[in-house]
Amino acid sequence: MQDEASYICDSCGEEIVVPIDLAAGSHQQYVEDCPVCCHPNVVHVEVLDAETIHVWAEPETE
């Protein structure tokens, strides 16, 4: 079971590691500020199974 995954911040290009909460559902979305450049990102988490998790982010537009 994976408990962490990562995405690349669109603003600064840094790899950001985030915790994965499998109990939160198979499709998750939340806003998180990049810990490096502080720009807000909309983080998407797609849990296909306990071993296959896709995480990506896009800049928050609002």
PDB file of N, CA and C in Angstrom:
ATOM      1  N   MET A   1       0.835  -1.183   0.000  1.00  0.00           N
ATOM      2  CA  MET A   1       0.000   0.000   0.000  1.00  0.00           C
ATOM      3  C   MET A   1       0.882   1.248   0.000  1.00  0.00           C
ATOM      4  N   GLN A   2       0.562   2.186  -0.874  1.00  0.00           N
ATOM      5  CA  GLN A   2       1.298   3.443  -0.932  1.00  0.00           C
ATOM      6  C   GLN A   2       0.689   4.431   0.060  1.00  0.00           C
ATOM      7  N   ASP A   3       1.527   5.122   0.806  1.00  0.00           N
ATOM      8  CA  ASP A   3       1.010   6.157   1.687  1.00  0.00           C
ATOM      9  C   ASP A   3       1.525   7.539   1.299  1.00  0.00           C
ATOM     10  N   GLU A   4       2.327   7.603   0.228  1.00  0.00           N
ATOM     11  CA  GLU A   4       2.818   8.873  -0.309  1.00  0.00           C
ATOM     12  C   GLU A   4       2.879   8.793  -1.825  1.00  0.00           C
ATOM     13  N   ALA A   5       2.750   9.943  -2.448  1.00  0.00           N
ATOM     14  CA  ALA A   5       2.924  10.061  -3.894  1.00  0.00           C
ATOM     15  C   ALA A   5       3.460  11.470  -4.145  1.00  0.00           C
ATOM     16  N   SER A   6       3.795  11.768  -5.389  1.00  0.00           N
ATOM     17  CA  SER A   6       4.352  13.092  -5.674  1.00  0.00           C
ATOM     18  C   SER A   6       3.785  13.666  -6.960  1.00  0.00           C
ATOM     19  N   TYR A   7       3.894  14.981  -7.062  1.00  0.00           N
ATOM     20  CA  TYR A   7       3.532  15.708  -8.276  1.00  0.00           C
ATOM     21  C   TYR A   7       4.579  16.780  -8.504  1.00  0.00           C
ATOM     22  N   ILE A   8       4.586  17.353  -9.691  1.00  0.00           N
ATOM     23  CA  ILE A   8       5.509  18.437 -10.034  1.00  0.00           C
ATOM     24  C   ILE A   8       4.736  19.754 -10.001  1.00  0.00           C
ATOM     25  N   CYS A   9       5.232  20.706  -9.233  1.00  0.00           N
ATOM     26  CA  CYS A   9       4.601  22.026  -9.160  1.00  0.00           C
ATOM     27  C   CYS A   9       4.760  22.726 -10.499  1.00  0.00           C
ATOM     28  N   ASP A  10       3.640  23.207 -11.060  1.00  0.00           N
ATOM     29  CA  ASP A  10       3.679  23.922 -12.339  1.00  0.00           C
ATOM     30  C   ASP A  10       4.392  25.263 -12.237  1.00  0.00           C
ATOM     31  N   SER A  11       4.403  25.840 -11.051  1.00  0.00           N
ATOM     32  CA  SER A  11       5.006  27.165 -10.881  1.00  0.00           C
ATOM     33  C   SER A  11       6.521  27.129 -10.774  1.00  0.00           C
ATOM     34  N   CYS A  12       7.060  26.172  -9.988  1.00  0.00           N
ATOM     35  CA  CYS A  12       8.507  26.178  -9.759  1.00  0.00           C
ATOM     36  C   CYS A  12       9.217  24.928 -10.267  1.00  0.00           C
ATOM     37  N   GLY A  13       8.458  23.890 -10.647  1.00  0.00           N
ATOM     38  CA  GLY A  13       9.068  22.684 -11.198  1.00  0.00           C
ATOM     39  C   GLY A  13       9.592  21.699 -10.177  1.00  0.00           C
ATOM     40  N   GLU A  14       9.374  21.964  -8.897  1.00  0.00           N
ATOM     41  CA  GLU A  14       9.850  21.066  -7.842  1.00  0.00           C
ATOM     42  C   GLU A  14       8.907  19.871  -7.689  1.00  0.00           C
ATOM     43  N   GLU A  15       9.492  18.728  -7.333  1.00  0.00           N
ATOM     44  CA  GLU A  15       8.694  17.551  -7.021  1.00  0.00           C
ATOM     45  C   GLU A  15       8.200  17.673  -5.583  1.00  0.00           C
ATOM     46  N   ILE A  16       6.888  17.566  -5.395  1.00  0.00           N
ATOM     47  CA  ILE A  16       6.266  17.717  -4.089  1.00  0.00           C
ATOM     48  C   ILE A  16       5.666  16.377  -3.678  1.00  0.00           C
ATOM     49  N   VAL A  17       6.046  15.892  -2.504  1.00  0.00           N
ATOM     50  CA  VAL A  17       5.535  14.628  -1.974  1.00  0.00           C
ATOM     51  C   VAL A  17       4.340  14.930  -1.072  1.00  0.00           C
ATOM     52  N   VAL A  18       3.238  14.204  -1.294  1.00  0.00           N
ATOM     53  CA  VAL A  18       2.029  14.389  -0.494  1.00  0.00           C
ATOM     54  C   VAL A  18       1.591  13.050   0.094  1.00  0.00           C
ATOM     55  N   PRO A  19       0.986  13.084   1.281  1.00  0.00           N
ATOM     56  CA  PRO A  19       0.457  11.843   1.858  1.00  0.00           C
ATOM     57  C   PRO A  19      -0.813  11.429   1.114  1.00  0.00           C
ATOM     58  N   ILE A  20      -1.049  10.133   1.042  1.00  0.00           N
ATOM     59  CA  ILE A  20      -2.245   9.602   0.399  1.00  0.00           C
ATOM     60  C   ILE A  20      -3.142   8.987   1.460  1.00  0.00           C
ATOM     61  N   ASP A  21      -4.405   9.411   1.484  1.00  0.00           N
ATOM     62  CA  ASP A  21      -5.398   8.865   2.405  1.00  0.00           C
ATOM     63  C   ASP A  21      -6.368   8.013   1.594  1.00  0.00           C
ATOM     64  N   LEU A  22      -6.156   6.716   1.594  1.00  0.00           N
ATOM     65  CA  LEU A  22      -7.004   5.811   0.815  1.00  0.00           C
ATOM     66  C   LEU A  22      -8.454   5.834   1.292  1.00  0.00           C
ATOM     67  N   ALA A  23      -8.690   6.174   2.546  1.00  0.00           N
ATOM     68  CA  ALA A  23     -10.047   6.222   3.083  1.00  0.00           C
ATOM     69  C   ALA A  23     -10.843   7.414   2.545  1.00  0.00           C
ATOM     70  N   ALA A  24     -10.183   8.384   1.922  1.00  0.00           N
ATOM     71  CA  ALA A  24     -10.854   9.578   1.410  1.00  0.00           C
ATOM     72  C   ALA A  24     -11.520   9.359   0.056  1.00  0.00           C
ATOM     73  N   GLY A  25     -11.405   8.170  -0.503  1.00  0.00           N
ATOM     74  CA  GLY A  25     -12.085   7.868  -1.753  1.00  0.00           C
ATOM     75  C   GLY A  25     -11.125   7.710  -2.916  1.00  0.00           C
ATOM     76  N   SER A  26     -11.669   7.243  -4.038  1.00  0.00           N
ATOM     77  CA  SER A  26     -10.833   6.942  -5.196  1.00  0.00           C
ATOM     78  C   SER A  26     -10.542   8.172  -6.055  1.00  0.00           C
ATOM     79  N   HIS A  27     -11.348   9.225  -5.921  1.00  0.00           N
ATOM     80  CA  HIS A  27     -11.115  10.475  -6.660  1.00  0.00           C
ATOM     81  C   HIS A  27     -11.114  11.615  -5.651  1.00  0.00           C
ATOM     82  N   GLN A  28      -9.969  12.225  -5.486  1.00  0.00           N
ATOM     83  CA  GLN A  28      -9.819  13.298  -4.510  1.00  0.00           C
ATOM     84  C   GLN A  28      -9.306  14.556  -5.203  1.00  0.00           C
ATOM     85  N   GLN A  29      -9.681  15.692  -4.673  1.00  0.00           N
ATOM     86  CA  GLN A  29      -9.199  16.980  -5.191  1.00  0.00           C
ATOM     87  C   GLN A  29      -9.149  17.962  -4.032  1.00  0.00           C
ATOM     88  N   TYR A  30      -8.029  18.670  -3.911  1.00  0.00           N
ATOM     89  CA  TYR A  30      -7.900  19.665  -2.856  1.00  0.00           C
ATOM     90  C   TYR A  30      -6.873  20.709  -3.280  1.00  0.00           C
ATOM     91  N   VAL A  31      -6.900  21.856  -2.622  1.00  0.00           N
ATOM     92  CA  VAL A  31      -5.959  22.940  -2.904  1.00  0.00           C
ATOM     93  C   VAL A  31      -4.877  22.906  -1.835  1.00  0.00           C
ATOM     94  N   GLU A  32      -3.625  22.983  -2.298  1.00  0.00           N
ATOM     95  CA  GLU A  32      -2.487  22.980  -1.383  1.00  0.00           C
ATOM     96  C   GLU A  32      -1.447  23.958  -1.916  1.00  0.00           C
ATOM     97  N   ASP A  33      -0.910  24.797  -1.027  1.00  0.00           N
ATOM     98  CA  ASP A  33       0.172  25.696  -1.422  1.00  0.00           C
ATOM     99  C   ASP A  33       1.462  24.898  -1.571  1.00  0.00           C
ATOM    100  N   CYS A  34       2.225  25.203  -2.612  1.00  0.00           N
ATOM    101  CA  CYS A  34       3.515  24.558  -2.808  1.00  0.00           C
ATOM    102  C   CYS A  34       4.421  24.945  -1.636  1.00  0.00           C
ATOM    103  N   PRO A  35       5.049  23.975  -0.973  1.00  0.00           N
ATOM    104  CA  PRO A  35       5.929  24.311   0.150  1.00  0.00           C
ATOM    105  C   PRO A  35       7.228  24.996  -0.274  1.00  0.00           C
ATOM    106  N   VAL A  36       7.517  25.011  -1.579  1.00  0.00           N
ATOM    107  CA  VAL A  36       8.738  25.653  -2.069  1.00  0.00           C
ATOM    108  C   VAL A  36       8.469  27.090  -2.498  1.00  0.00           C
ATOM    109  N   CYS A  37       7.463  27.287  -3.381  1.00  0.00           N
ATOM    110  CA  CYS A  37       7.229  28.628  -3.938  1.00  0.00           C
ATOM    111  C   CYS A  37       5.945  29.297  -3.432  1.00  0.00           C
ATOM    112  N   CYS A  38       5.141  28.572  -2.656  1.00  0.00           N
ATOM    113  CA  CYS A  38       3.918  29.081  -2.027  1.00  0.00           C
ATOM    114  C   CYS A  38       2.756  29.335  -2.987  1.00  0.00           C
ATOM    115  N   HIS A  39       2.877  28.991  -4.261  1.00  0.00           N
ATOM    116  CA  HIS A  39       1.761  29.138  -5.188  1.00  0.00           C
ATOM    117  C   HIS A  39       0.738  28.032  -4.929  1.00  0.00           C
ATOM    118  N   PRO A  40      -0.570  28.365  -4.960  1.00  0.00           N
ATOM    119  CA  PRO A  40      -1.586  27.348  -4.713  1.00  0.00           C
ATOM    120  C   PRO A  40      -1.753  26.417  -5.917  1.00  0.00           C
ATOM    121  N   ASN A  41      -1.867  25.135  -5.639  1.00  0.00           N
ATOM    122  CA  ASN A  41      -2.088  24.118  -6.662  1.00  0.00           C
ATOM    123  C   ASN A  41      -3.358  23.346  -6.337  1.00  0.00           C
ATOM    124  N   VAL A  42      -4.115  22.985  -7.372  1.00  0.00           N
ATOM    125  CA  VAL A  42      -5.220  22.057  -7.214  1.00  0.00           C
ATOM    126  C   VAL A  42      -4.620  20.673  -7.422  1.00  0.00           C
ATOM    127  N   VAL A  43      -4.617  19.877  -6.373  1.00  0.00           N
ATOM    128  CA  VAL A  43      -4.016  18.549  -6.409  1.00  0.00           C
ATOM    129  C   VAL A  43      -5.120  17.528  -6.675  1.00  0.00           C
ATOM    130  N   HIS A  44      -4.895  16.678  -7.656  1.00  0.00           N
ATOM    131  CA  HIS A  44      -5.834  15.615  -8.012  1.00  0.00           C
ATOM    132  C   HIS A  44      -5.197  14.279  -7.653  1.00  0.00           C
ATOM    133  N   VAL A  45      -5.969  13.416  -7.005  1.00  0.00           N
ATOM    134  CA  VAL A  45      -5.509  12.080  -6.639  1.00  0.00           C
ATOM    135  C   VAL A  45      -6.517  11.086  -7.192  1.00  0.00           C
ATOM    136  N   GLU A  46      -6.028  10.124  -7.948  1.00  0.00           N
ATOM    137  CA  GLU A  46      -6.860   9.058  -8.474  1.00  0.00           C
ATOM    138  C   GLU A  46      -6.288   7.732  -7.976  1.00  0.00           C
ATOM    139  N   VAL A  47      -7.080   7.024  -7.190  1.00  0.00           N
ATOM    140  CA  VAL A  47      -6.652   5.756  -6.616  1.00  0.00           C
ATOM    141  C   VAL A  47      -7.316   4.635  -7.417  1.00  0.00           C
ATOM    142  N   LEU A  48      -6.513   3.920  -8.204  1.00  0.00           N
ATOM    143  CA  LEU A  48      -7.046   2.802  -8.978  1.00  0.00           C
ATOM    144  C   LEU A  48      -7.101   1.544  -8.129  1.00  0.00           C
ATOM    145  N   ASP A  49      -6.078   1.317  -7.337  1.00  0.00           N
ATOM    146  CA  ASP A  49      -6.022   0.257  -6.328  1.00  0.00           C
ATOM    147  C   ASP A  49      -4.915   0.648  -5.353  1.00  0.00           C
ATOM    148  N   ALA A  50      -4.644  -0.171  -4.374  1.00  0.00           N
ATOM    149  CA  ALA A  50      -3.676   0.191  -3.333  1.00  0.00           C
ATOM    150  C   ALA A  50      -2.262   0.381  -3.873  1.00  0.00           C
ATOM    151  N   GLU A  51      -1.977  -0.161  -5.045  1.00  0.00           N
ATOM    152  CA  GLU A  51      -0.633  -0.056  -5.628  1.00  0.00           C
ATOM    153  C   GLU A  51      -0.552   0.933  -6.791  1.00  0.00           C
ATOM    154  N   THR A  52      -1.695   1.371  -7.319  1.00  0.00           N
ATOM    155  CA  THR A  52      -1.700   2.262  -8.485  1.00  0.00           C
ATOM    156  C   THR A  52      -2.416   3.562  -8.138  1.00  0.00           C
ATOM    157  N   ILE A  53      -1.628   4.601  -7.928  1.00  0.00           N
ATOM    158  CA  ILE A  53      -2.158   5.906  -7.548  1.00  0.00           C
ATOM    159  C   ILE A  53      -1.556   6.956  -8.469  1.00  0.00           C
ATOM    160  N   HIS A  54      -2.417   7.777  -9.069  1.00  0.00           N
ATOM    161  CA  HIS A  54      -1.967   8.866  -9.938  1.00  0.00           C
ATOM    162  C   HIS A  54      -2.218  10.191  -9.220  1.00  0.00           C
ATOM    163  N   VAL A  55      -1.205  11.031  -9.184  1.00  0.00           N
ATOM    164  CA  VAL A  55      -1.322  12.357  -8.577  1.00  0.00           C
ATOM    165  C   VAL A  55      -0.807  13.377  -9.574  1.00  0.00           C
ATOM    166  N   TRP A  56      -1.570  14.449  -9.778  1.00  0.00           N
ATOM    167  CA  TRP A  56      -1.115  15.535 -10.618  1.00  0.00           C
ATOM    168  C   TRP A  56      -1.696  16.830 -10.071  1.00  0.00           C
ATOM    169  N   ALA A  57      -1.133  17.930 -10.487  1.00  0.00           N
ATOM    170  CA  ALA A  57      -1.586  19.227  -9.985  1.00  0.00           C
ATOM    171  C   ALA A  57      -1.628  20.231 -11.122  1.00  0.00           C
ATOM    172  N   GLU A  58      -2.453  21.242 -10.907  1.00  0.00           N
ATOM    173  CA  GLU A  58      -2.542  22.359 -11.829  1.00  0.00           C
ATOM    174  C   GLU A  58      -2.674  23.626 -10.994  1.00  0.00           C
ATOM    175  N   PRO A  59      -2.254  24.744 -11.525  1.00  0.00           N
ATOM    176  CA  PRO A  59      -2.340  25.985 -10.745  1.00  0.00           C
ATOM    177  C   PRO A  59      -3.797  26.321 -10.434  1.00  0.00           C
ATOM    178  N   GLU A  60      -4.029  26.831  -9.242  1.00  0.00           N
ATOM    179  CA  GLU A  60      -5.365  27.285  -8.891  1.00  0.00           C
ATOM    180  C   GLU A  60      -5.641  28.574  -9.658  1.00  0.00           C
ATOM    181  N   THR A  61      -6.797  28.691 -10.276  1.00  0.00           N
ATOM    182  CA  THR A  61      -7.088  29.848 -11.121  1.00  0.00           C
ATOM    183  C   THR A  61      -7.919  30.908 -10.441  1.00  0.00           C
ATOM    184  N   GLU A  62      -8.455  30.632  -9.274  1.00  0.00           N
ATOM    185  CA  GLU A  62      -9.295  31.622  -8.590  1.00  0.00           C
ATOM    186  C   GLU A  62      -8.549  32.325  -7.501  1.00  0.00           C
TER     187      GLU A  62
END
